[in-house]
Amino acid sequence: MSLSRKAVAWAASATFVAAGAAGVAIAVHAAHDQTPLRIVSISPAAGSSDVNGAGEITVTYNQPPPATAPPPVISPATGGSWHRSGDTMVFTPTSGFPAGTRVTVTAHATNNTADEEAGISPPKSASFQTGTYKTLRLQQALAQLGYLPMTWTPAKAAAPAANARDQLSAAYAPPAGSFTLQPGYPTQLSSFWKQGADNTLDKGAITAFEADHKLPDDGVVGPTVWKALLSAAAANQRNTHGYSYAIATQSTPESLTIWHNGAKVFSSLANTGISDAPTAHGTFPVYEKLPFQIMQGTNPDGSHYADPVPWVSYFNGSEAVHYFDRGSYGWPQSLGCVELPYDAAKTAYQYLPEGTLVTVD
């Protein structure tokens, strides 16, 4: 059977239209393929400051980047990985950037240097500045690790995970939660506390942490201390010697009392400084401990001394808690130190780890 002339004409017309449609599709697809890949934006944006150094970095393109598109370059380099998502490349750091770091992200749309030099696909760069670590997170971490007489309770699902990135992120943006002073200590201990701001409790806790991690124990938080603290928090490396607080009372009879882990564990008669060499009033952290030393100095009359002294815990300059042989105790006799009988000094020594706050009042 043969087709009519009209049917043949219609079939030919349909074939032409179909071919034409396919041609248009192919042309459109080819035109899309030929659209130069360009960078639309980089986030964090250029000039941003106070950026969370553990956050992701996103480069957005005008179309999904092909597999041949090189990943952006980050300076300074840090561990992490790039992944593609639609029109973006996203960098997730393993840990992130420390506080105060200037970070530069340079994205290239092509591997072809000649194209870039010709301005066809120029690279795009953006620099931003990471923020500062927050004192509130310092306090949270110190409390969690047992270096403060405080319990920190995170809000529901707010505690950072035990990994480097979450701990770093929390240093920039502390999670919600609440502090509670542990019971059993004198009420004046709470007067040294101020949430979110530097305070005396923090200084003692920092000194203790530094001593445990073999860092200079000056009670000052710098980059090295922060790095060690964040690592300790991720690994849950807790304080193993507990929390102590001591009060040297200068009212007669003079005494030294120590609380440890919320309980009074020590009390003894003591001697503080004479009027020519008084013991300074205030609250200070123990910063050095020596089981024995030869103490040397000058007496008020100008003569010199060199005395063998055991069980020494320095807390303020040359002032220390230690043993010294006296006929009696309980009144001013020293040259500024807090003197104890031998057995009392030996016991007190174990309850005065570095970082212990000693109040002289």
Protein backbone atom coordinates (compact mmCIF):
# COMPACT_ATOMS: atom_id res chain seq x y z
CA MET A 1 0.00 0.00 0.00
CA SER A 2 1.34 3.49 -0.84
CA LEU A 3 0.79 6.78 1.07
CA SER A 4 -1.14 9.63 -0.45
CA ARG A 5 0.79 12.68 -1.56
CA LYS A 6 -0.70 14.64 1.37
CA ALA A 7 0.38 12.00 3.93
CA VAL A 8 3.90 11.92 2.50
CA ALA A 9 4.11 15.72 2.76
CA TRP A 10 2.92 15.63 6.37
CA ALA A 11 5.44 12.93 7.32
CA ALA A 12 8.24 14.91 5.73
CA SER A 13 7.11 18.02 7.58
CA ALA A 14 7.04 16.16 10.91
CA THR A 15 10.50 14.76 10.31
CA PHE A 16 11.84 18.26 9.60
CA VAL A 17 10.23 19.71 12.74
CA ALA A 18 11.63 16.89 14.87
CA ALA A 19 15.07 17.35 13.39
CA GLY A 20 14.78 21.09 13.89
CA ALA A 21 13.78 20.70 17.51
CA ALA A 22 16.70 18.39 18.12
CA GLY A 23 18.98 20.88 16.45
CA VAL A 24 17.72 23.67 18.68
CA ALA A 25 18.24 21.54 21.80
CA ILE A 26 21.73 20.63 20.71
CA ALA A 27 22.52 24.27 20.00
CA VAL A 28 21.16 25.40 23.34
CA HIS A 29 23.13 22.67 25.13
CA ALA A 30 26.25 23.64 23.25
CA ALA A 31 25.73 27.29 24.13
CA HIS A 32 25.34 26.35 27.81
CA ASP A 33 28.51 24.30 27.70
CA GLN A 34 30.36 27.25 26.26
CA THR A 35 29.31 29.69 29.00
CA PRO A 36 32.50 30.61 30.86
CA LEU A 37 32.64 29.42 34.47
CA ARG A 38 32.87 32.44 36.73
CA ILE A 39 33.00 33.02 40.49
CA VAL A 40 29.90 34.80 41.79
CA SER A 41 30.80 35.15 45.48
CA ILE A 42 33.00 33.94 48.30
CA SER A 43 31.74 33.55 51.88
CA PRO A 44 32.79 34.79 54.39
CA ALA A 45 32.80 37.96 52.34
CA ALA A 46 35.89 40.06 51.75
CA GLY A 47 36.54 42.39 54.65
CA SER A 48 34.55 40.37 57.18
CA SER A 49 35.85 40.42 60.74
CA ASP A 50 35.07 38.50 63.94
CA VAL A 51 34.58 35.37 61.81
CA ASN A 52 34.25 31.96 63.47
CA GLY A 53 37.46 30.27 62.41
CA ALA A 54 35.87 26.82 62.52
CA GLY A 55 33.10 27.71 60.05
CA GLU A 56 32.73 26.53 56.47
CA ILE A 57 34.00 28.51 53.48
CA THR A 58 31.73 28.63 50.42
CA VAL A 59 32.59 29.64 46.85
CA THR A 60 29.59 30.16 44.57
CA TYR A 61 29.85 29.93 40.75
CA ASN A 62 27.52 30.98 37.94
CA GLN A 63 26.82 27.30 37.18
CA PRO A 64 27.77 23.91 38.62
CA PRO A 65 31.56 23.72 38.41
CA PRO A 66 32.81 20.83 36.27
CA ALA A 67 35.05 18.14 37.66
CA THR A 68 38.00 19.83 35.95
CA ALA A 69 37.52 23.08 37.89
CA PRO A 70 40.32 23.34 40.47
CA PRO A 71 39.39 23.75 44.16
CA PRO A 72 39.99 27.21 45.63
CA VAL A 73 43.22 27.87 47.48
CA ILE A 74 43.16 28.87 51.17
CA SER A 75 45.99 30.74 52.86
CA PRO A 76 47.21 29.99 55.45
CA ALA A 77 46.62 26.35 54.64
CA THR A 78 44.66 24.25 57.10
CA GLY A 79 43.37 20.70 57.17
CA GLY A 80 39.95 20.02 55.70
CA SER A 81 38.13 19.02 52.52
CA TRP A 82 36.24 20.58 49.63
CA HIS A 83 32.95 19.16 48.34
CA ARG A 84 30.70 20.24 45.46
CA SER A 85 27.05 21.10 45.97
CA GLY A 86 25.13 22.52 43.01
CA ASP A 87 26.72 25.80 42.00
CA THR A 88 29.07 25.84 45.01
CA MET A 89 32.26 24.41 46.39
CA VAL A 90 32.24 24.18 50.20
CA PHE A 91 35.29 23.77 52.43
CA THR A 92 34.82 22.05 55.80
CA PRO A 93 37.87 22.44 58.05
CA THR A 94 39.14 19.60 60.18
CA SER A 95 39.71 22.08 63.00
CA GLY A 96 39.95 25.63 61.69
CA PHE A 97 41.88 28.85 62.13
CA PRO A 98 43.11 30.32 65.42
CA ALA A 99 41.87 33.66 66.70
CA GLY A 100 43.11 36.76 64.92
CA THR A 101 44.06 34.96 61.69
CA ARG A 102 43.81 36.73 58.34
CA VAL A 103 42.50 34.18 55.86
CA THR A 104 42.58 34.59 52.07
CA VAL A 105 40.51 32.47 49.70
CA THR A 106 41.47 32.50 46.01
CA ALA A 107 39.13 30.76 43.56
CA HIS A 108 40.06 29.90 39.97
CA ALA A 109 37.46 29.09 37.33
CA THR A 110 39.90 27.36 34.97
CA ASN A 111 43.16 25.50 34.91
CA ASN A 112 44.09 27.44 31.77
CA THR A 113 46.54 30.19 32.74
CA ALA A 114 46.33 31.74 29.27
CA ASP A 115 42.56 32.16 29.68
CA GLU A 116 43.07 33.88 33.03
CA GLU A 117 45.73 36.19 31.62
CA ALA A 118 43.39 37.06 28.76
CA GLY A 119 40.70 37.96 31.26
CA ILE A 120 38.35 35.20 30.13
CA SER A 121 38.10 33.53 33.53
CA PRO A 122 39.99 35.68 36.05
CA PRO A 123 40.51 34.37 39.60
CA LYS A 124 38.71 35.99 42.52
CA SER A 125 40.07 36.48 46.05
CA ALA A 126 38.53 37.44 49.37
CA SER A 127 40.22 37.98 52.74
CA PHE A 128 38.56 37.92 56.14
CA GLN A 129 39.69 38.06 59.77
CA THR A 130 38.83 35.49 62.42
CA GLY A 131 37.51 36.81 65.72
CA THR A 132 38.66 36.44 69.31
CA TYR A 133 38.10 33.61 71.72
CA LYS A 134 35.55 34.36 74.41
CA THR A 135 36.23 34.40 78.14
CA LEU A 136 32.88 32.71 78.71
CA ARG A 137 34.05 29.62 76.82
CA LEU A 138 37.32 29.65 78.74
CA GLN A 139 35.30 29.47 81.95
CA GLN A 140 33.03 26.73 80.61
CA ALA A 141 35.98 24.57 79.60
CA LEU A 142 37.84 25.13 82.88
CA ALA A 143 34.71 24.22 84.83
CA GLN A 144 34.10 21.10 82.75
CA LEU A 145 37.68 19.95 83.32
CA GLY A 146 37.51 20.54 87.09
CA TYR A 147 39.74 23.60 87.39
CA LEU A 148 37.03 25.84 88.87
CA PRO A 149 34.84 25.33 91.95
CA MET A 150 31.93 25.66 89.54
CA THR A 151 29.67 23.24 87.72
CA TRP A 152 28.75 24.25 84.19
CA THR A 153 25.55 22.72 82.84
CA PRO A 154 24.98 23.18 79.09
CA ALA A 155 21.55 23.90 77.75
CA LYS A 156 19.92 20.97 76.01
CA ALA A 157 22.06 19.75 73.10
CA ALA A 158 24.34 22.80 73.49
CA ALA A 159 27.57 21.17 74.65
CA PRO A 160 30.22 21.04 71.91
CA ALA A 161 31.20 17.60 70.67
CA ALA A 162 34.52 16.07 71.67
CA ASN A 163 36.34 17.00 68.49
CA ALA A 164 38.76 19.75 67.54
CA ARG A 165 36.40 21.63 65.22
CA ASP A 166 33.45 21.83 67.64
CA GLN A 167 35.72 22.88 70.49
CA LEU A 168 37.29 25.64 68.37
CA SER A 169 33.88 26.80 67.18
CA ALA A 170 32.67 27.04 70.79
CA ALA A 171 35.69 29.21 71.67
CA TYR A 172 34.38 31.77 69.16
CA ALA A 173 30.68 31.27 69.96
CA PRO A 174 30.14 29.82 73.47
CA PRO A 175 27.10 27.57 73.82
CA ALA A 176 24.30 28.39 76.23
CA GLY A 177 24.41 27.01 79.75
CA SER A 178 24.58 27.91 83.45
CA PHE A 179 27.19 27.93 86.24
CA THR A 180 26.67 26.80 89.82
CA LEU A 181 29.16 27.24 92.68
CA GLN A 182 29.90 23.88 94.24
CA PRO A 183 28.85 23.64 97.92
CA GLY A 184 31.17 23.40 100.91
CA TYR A 185 33.45 26.37 100.31
CA PRO A 186 33.48 29.67 102.25
CA THR A 187 31.01 32.20 100.88
CA GLN A 188 33.80 34.68 100.07
CA LEU A 189 35.04 32.37 97.32
CA SER A 190 32.00 33.28 95.21
CA SER A 191 32.94 36.97 95.47
CA PHE A 192 35.95 36.29 93.22
CA TRP A 193 33.73 35.08 90.36
CA LYS A 194 32.38 37.08 87.42
CA GLN A 195 30.78 35.24 84.54
CA GLY A 196 32.10 36.18 81.11
CA ALA A 197 34.83 38.48 82.46
CA ASP A 198 38.35 38.03 83.80
CA ASN A 199 38.38 37.33 87.54
CA THR A 200 40.44 35.89 90.37
CA LEU A 201 38.93 32.41 90.14
CA ASP A 202 39.90 32.28 86.47
CA LYS A 203 43.49 33.25 87.24
CA GLY A 204 43.87 30.44 89.76
CA ALA A 205 42.28 27.92 87.40
CA ILE A 206 44.48 29.02 84.49
CA THR A 207 47.60 28.75 86.66
CA ALA A 208 46.62 25.22 87.68
CA PHE A 209 45.95 24.22 84.08
CA GLU A 210 49.28 25.67 82.94
CA ALA A 211 51.15 23.75 85.62
CA ASP A 212 49.46 20.47 84.69
CA HIS A 213 50.32 20.96 81.02
CA LYS A 214 53.93 22.04 81.57
CA LEU A 215 53.33 25.61 80.45
CA PRO A 216 54.69 28.80 82.07
CA ASP A 217 52.29 29.23 84.99
CA ASP A 218 51.65 32.95 84.92
CA GLY A 219 47.84 32.78 84.91
CA VAL A 220 47.67 34.55 81.55
CA VAL A 221 45.72 33.08 78.63
CA GLY A 222 47.62 33.36 75.36
CA PRO A 223 47.48 31.35 72.12
CA THR A 224 49.49 28.47 73.59
CA VAL A 225 47.19 28.11 76.59
CA TRP A 226 44.08 28.29 74.41
CA LYS A 227 45.45 25.61 72.08
CA ALA A 228 46.23 23.31 75.00
CA LEU A 229 42.86 24.01 76.65
CA LEU A 230 40.86 23.22 73.51
CA SER A 231 42.81 20.00 73.03
CA ALA A 232 42.23 19.05 76.67
CA ALA A 233 38.52 19.79 76.36
CA ALA A 234 38.24 17.63 73.23
CA ALA A 235 40.04 14.78 75.03
CA ASN A 236 38.29 15.41 78.40
CA GLN A 237 41.65 15.64 80.20
CA ARG A 238 40.39 16.51 83.65
CA ASN A 239 42.16 18.01 86.64
CA THR A 240 43.43 15.08 88.71
CA HIS A 241 44.35 16.90 91.93
CA GLY A 242 40.99 18.45 92.81
CA TYR A 243 40.20 22.02 93.80
CA SER A 244 41.67 23.71 96.88
CA TYR A 245 41.19 27.10 98.56
CA ALA A 246 43.13 28.48 101.55
CA ILE A 247 42.65 31.35 103.98
CA ALA A 248 45.44 32.76 106.16
CA THR A 249 43.81 34.70 108.99
CA GLN A 250 45.87 37.47 110.57
CA SER A 251 43.59 38.01 113.54
CA THR A 252 44.99 36.48 116.75
CA PRO A 253 45.43 33.56 116.95
CA GLU A 254 46.68 33.52 113.36
CA SER A 255 45.82 30.40 111.37
CA LEU A 256 45.75 28.74 107.98
CA THR A 257 42.64 26.85 106.84
CA ILE A 258 42.31 24.81 103.62
CA TRP A 259 39.22 23.53 101.82
CA HIS A 260 39.58 20.76 99.24
CA ASN A 261 36.84 19.51 96.91
CA GLY A 262 34.21 21.29 98.97
CA ALA A 263 35.28 20.12 102.44
CA LYS A 264 37.45 21.67 105.15
CA VAL A 265 40.48 19.38 105.30
CA PHE A 266 43.12 21.37 107.17
CA SER A 267 43.49 23.97 109.93
CA SER A 268 46.57 24.98 111.87
CA LEU A 269 48.03 27.83 113.85
CA ALA A 270 50.30 29.93 111.64
CA ASN A 271 52.64 32.91 111.71
CA THR A 272 52.43 35.80 109.25
CA GLY A 273 54.70 38.80 108.71
CA ILE A 274 55.94 41.24 111.32
CA SER A 275 55.21 44.96 110.93
CA ASP A 276 58.57 45.57 109.19
CA ALA A 277 57.83 42.80 106.66
CA PRO A 278 54.06 42.27 106.59
CA THR A 279 52.25 39.61 104.61
CA ALA A 280 50.29 41.34 101.83
CA HIS A 281 46.51 41.27 102.05
CA GLY A 282 44.70 39.87 99.04
CA THR A 283 44.07 36.64 97.14
CA PHE A 284 46.82 35.04 95.09
CA PRO A 285 47.34 31.70 93.28
CA VAL A 286 50.11 29.31 94.28
CA TYR A 287 52.59 29.50 91.40
CA GLU A 288 55.58 27.42 92.52
CA LYS A 289 56.12 24.48 94.86
CA LEU A 290 59.40 23.20 96.28
CA PRO A 291 59.68 20.31 98.73
CA PHE A 292 62.90 21.89 100.02
CA GLN A 293 65.06 24.94 99.43
CA ILE A 294 67.58 27.24 101.06
CA MET A 295 65.74 30.53 101.54
CA GLN A 296 68.03 33.54 101.39
CA GLY A 297 67.35 37.20 102.04
CA THR A 298 67.93 40.21 104.23
CA ASN A 299 66.53 40.77 107.72
CA PRO A 300 65.04 44.15 108.71
CA ASP A 301 68.26 44.93 110.65
CA GLY A 302 70.36 44.46 107.50
CA SER A 303 71.79 41.08 108.35
CA HIS A 304 71.46 38.20 105.86
CA TYR A 305 69.93 34.78 106.27
CA ALA A 306 70.13 31.45 104.44
CA ASP A 307 67.71 29.00 106.05
CA PRO A 308 66.89 25.41 105.06
CA VAL A 309 63.12 25.33 104.56
CA PRO A 310 60.88 22.37 103.54
CA TRP A 311 57.33 22.20 102.12
CA VAL A 312 57.35 25.55 100.28
CA SER A 313 54.32 26.81 98.30
CA TYR A 314 54.87 30.29 96.83
CA PHE A 315 51.73 32.34 96.24
CA ASN A 316 52.73 36.03 96.05
CA GLY A 317 56.22 37.06 95.03
CA SER A 318 58.57 35.83 97.77
CA GLU A 319 55.69 35.02 100.13
CA ALA A 320 55.03 31.34 100.66
CA VAL A 321 53.40 28.81 102.95
CA HIS A 322 56.16 26.67 104.49
CA TYR A 323 57.59 25.12 107.62
CA PHE A 324 59.75 27.18 109.92
CA ASP A 325 60.94 26.23 113.38
CA ARG A 326 59.44 28.54 116.00
CA GLY A 327 58.84 28.18 119.70
CA SER A 328 55.17 29.01 119.15
CA TYR A 329 52.67 29.75 116.37
CA GLY A 330 49.65 31.98 116.01
CA TRP A 331 51.10 35.49 115.90
CA PRO A 332 53.24 37.66 113.55
CA GLN A 333 56.86 36.39 113.46
CA SER A 334 57.80 35.85 109.80
CA LEU A 335 59.27 38.09 107.11
CA GLY A 336 56.07 37.95 105.07
CA CYS A 337 55.56 34.21 104.71
CA VAL A 338 52.92 32.00 106.31
CA GLU A 339 54.86 29.72 108.65
CA LEU A 340 53.55 26.40 109.95
CA PRO A 341 54.77 23.65 112.29
CA TYR A 342 56.55 20.79 110.48
CA ASP A 343 53.79 18.17 110.37
CA ALA A 344 51.18 20.80 109.51
CA ALA A 345 53.36 22.18 106.71
CA LYS A 346 53.87 18.71 105.27
CA THR A 347 50.12 18.07 105.24
CA ALA A 348 49.28 21.52 103.86
CA TYR A 349 51.80 21.04 101.03
CA GLN A 350 49.75 18.24 99.45
CA TYR A 351 46.56 20.36 99.59
CA LEU A 352 48.13 23.39 97.91
CA PRO A 353 48.66 22.41 94.26
CA GLU A 354 49.70 25.14 91.86
CA GLY A 355 46.76 27.41 91.11
CA THR A 356 45.31 27.14 94.63
CA LEU A 357 44.01 30.54 95.70
CA VAL A 358 45.40 31.76 99.03
CA THR A 359 43.53 34.61 100.70
CA VAL A 360 45.36 36.63 103.34
CA ASP A 361 42.98 38.68 105.46
